[in-house]
Protein backbone atom coordinates (compact mmCIF):
# COMPACT_ATOMS: atom_id res chain seq x y z
CA MET A 1 -3.70 8.74 2.30
CA ASN A 2 -0.74 9.09 4.64
CA ARG A 3 2.98 8.89 3.75
CA LEU A 4 3.33 5.23 4.76
CA GLN A 5 0.27 4.22 2.76
CA LYS A 6 1.62 6.05 -0.29
CA ILE A 7 4.94 4.20 -0.05
CA ILE A 8 3.19 0.84 0.36
CA ILE A 9 0.89 1.42 -2.61
CA LYS A 10 3.70 2.73 -4.82
CA LYS A 11 5.95 -0.26 -4.10
CA MET A 12 3.14 -2.78 -4.57
CA ALA A 13 2.21 -1.11 -7.86
CA HIS A 14 5.81 -1.78 -8.95
CA GLY A 15 5.46 -5.48 -8.13
CA TYR A 16 6.70 -5.69 -4.55
CA THR A 17 5.01 -8.24 -2.29
CA GLN A 18 3.94 -7.22 1.20
CA PRO A 19 7.01 -8.89 2.79
CA GLU A 20 9.25 -7.12 0.25
CA VAL A 21 7.64 -3.79 1.16
CA ALA A 22 8.40 -4.51 4.83
CA GLN A 23 12.05 -5.21 3.95
CA TYR A 24 12.21 -2.01 1.86
CA LEU A 25 10.92 0.04 4.81
CA LYS A 26 13.31 -1.60 7.26
CA LYS A 27 16.34 -1.00 5.01
CA ARG A 28 15.45 2.69 4.85
CA GLU A 29 14.67 2.85 8.58
CA ILE A 30 11.10 3.95 7.91
CA THR A 31 8.85 3.05 10.81
CA PRO A 32 6.50 1.39 11.36
CA ASN A 33 7.73 -1.31 9.03
CA SER A 34 6.34 -4.68 10.12
CA LEU A 35 4.35 -6.94 7.83
CA SER A 36 1.34 -6.66 10.14
CA ILE A 37 1.41 -2.86 9.87
CA ILE A 38 1.48 -3.12 6.07
CA GLU A 39 -1.51 -5.48 6.17
CA LYS A 40 -3.39 -3.12 8.53
CA GLU A 41 -2.67 -0.07 6.36
CA LEU A 42 -3.91 -1.91 3.27
CA GLN A 43 -7.08 -2.90 5.12
CA LYS A 44 -7.62 0.74 6.13
CA LEU A 45 -7.23 1.80 2.50
CA LYS A 46 -9.64 -0.87 1.28
CA LYS A 47 -12.21 0.32 3.81
CA ALA A 48 -11.64 4.01 3.05
CA TYR A 49 -12.09 3.49 -0.71
CA GLY A 50 -14.81 0.85 -0.46
CA ALA A 51 -12.69 -1.78 -2.18
CA GLN A 52 -13.58 -5.46 -1.94
CA THR A 53 -10.17 -6.82 -3.02
CA MET A 54 -6.64 -5.57 -3.53
CA VAL A 55 -7.17 -5.48 -7.29
CA HIS A 56 -10.31 -3.43 -6.76
CA LEU A 57 -8.36 -1.05 -4.50
CA PHE A 58 -5.71 -0.49 -7.14
CA VAL A 59 -8.32 0.11 -9.84
CA LEU A 60 -10.02 2.69 -7.62
CA LEU A 61 -6.70 4.40 -6.84
CA ILE A 62 -5.89 4.62 -10.55
CA ARG A 63 -9.34 6.00 -11.37
CA GLN A 64 -9.01 8.64 -8.67
CA GLY A 65 -5.56 9.69 -9.84
CA HIS A 66 -3.54 8.35 -6.90
CA LEU A 67 -1.66 5.96 -9.20
CA LYS A 68 -0.67 6.25 -12.81
CA PRO A 69 -1.91 3.40 -15.05
């Protein structure tokens, strides 16, 4: 998982929506920061972890220790 993916996952785990994550990245001048990039990174993560849905992805990340429950 790369730095951008970690930020996206962490913020979404704290309740941010995808557009709110994009705004967070833009405010901190972290690039890339578009909504489409966030969507693409989430799709990459779903594929990498074999997740069918976003909920499934988060469950897998918790089980594997990438997120604290």
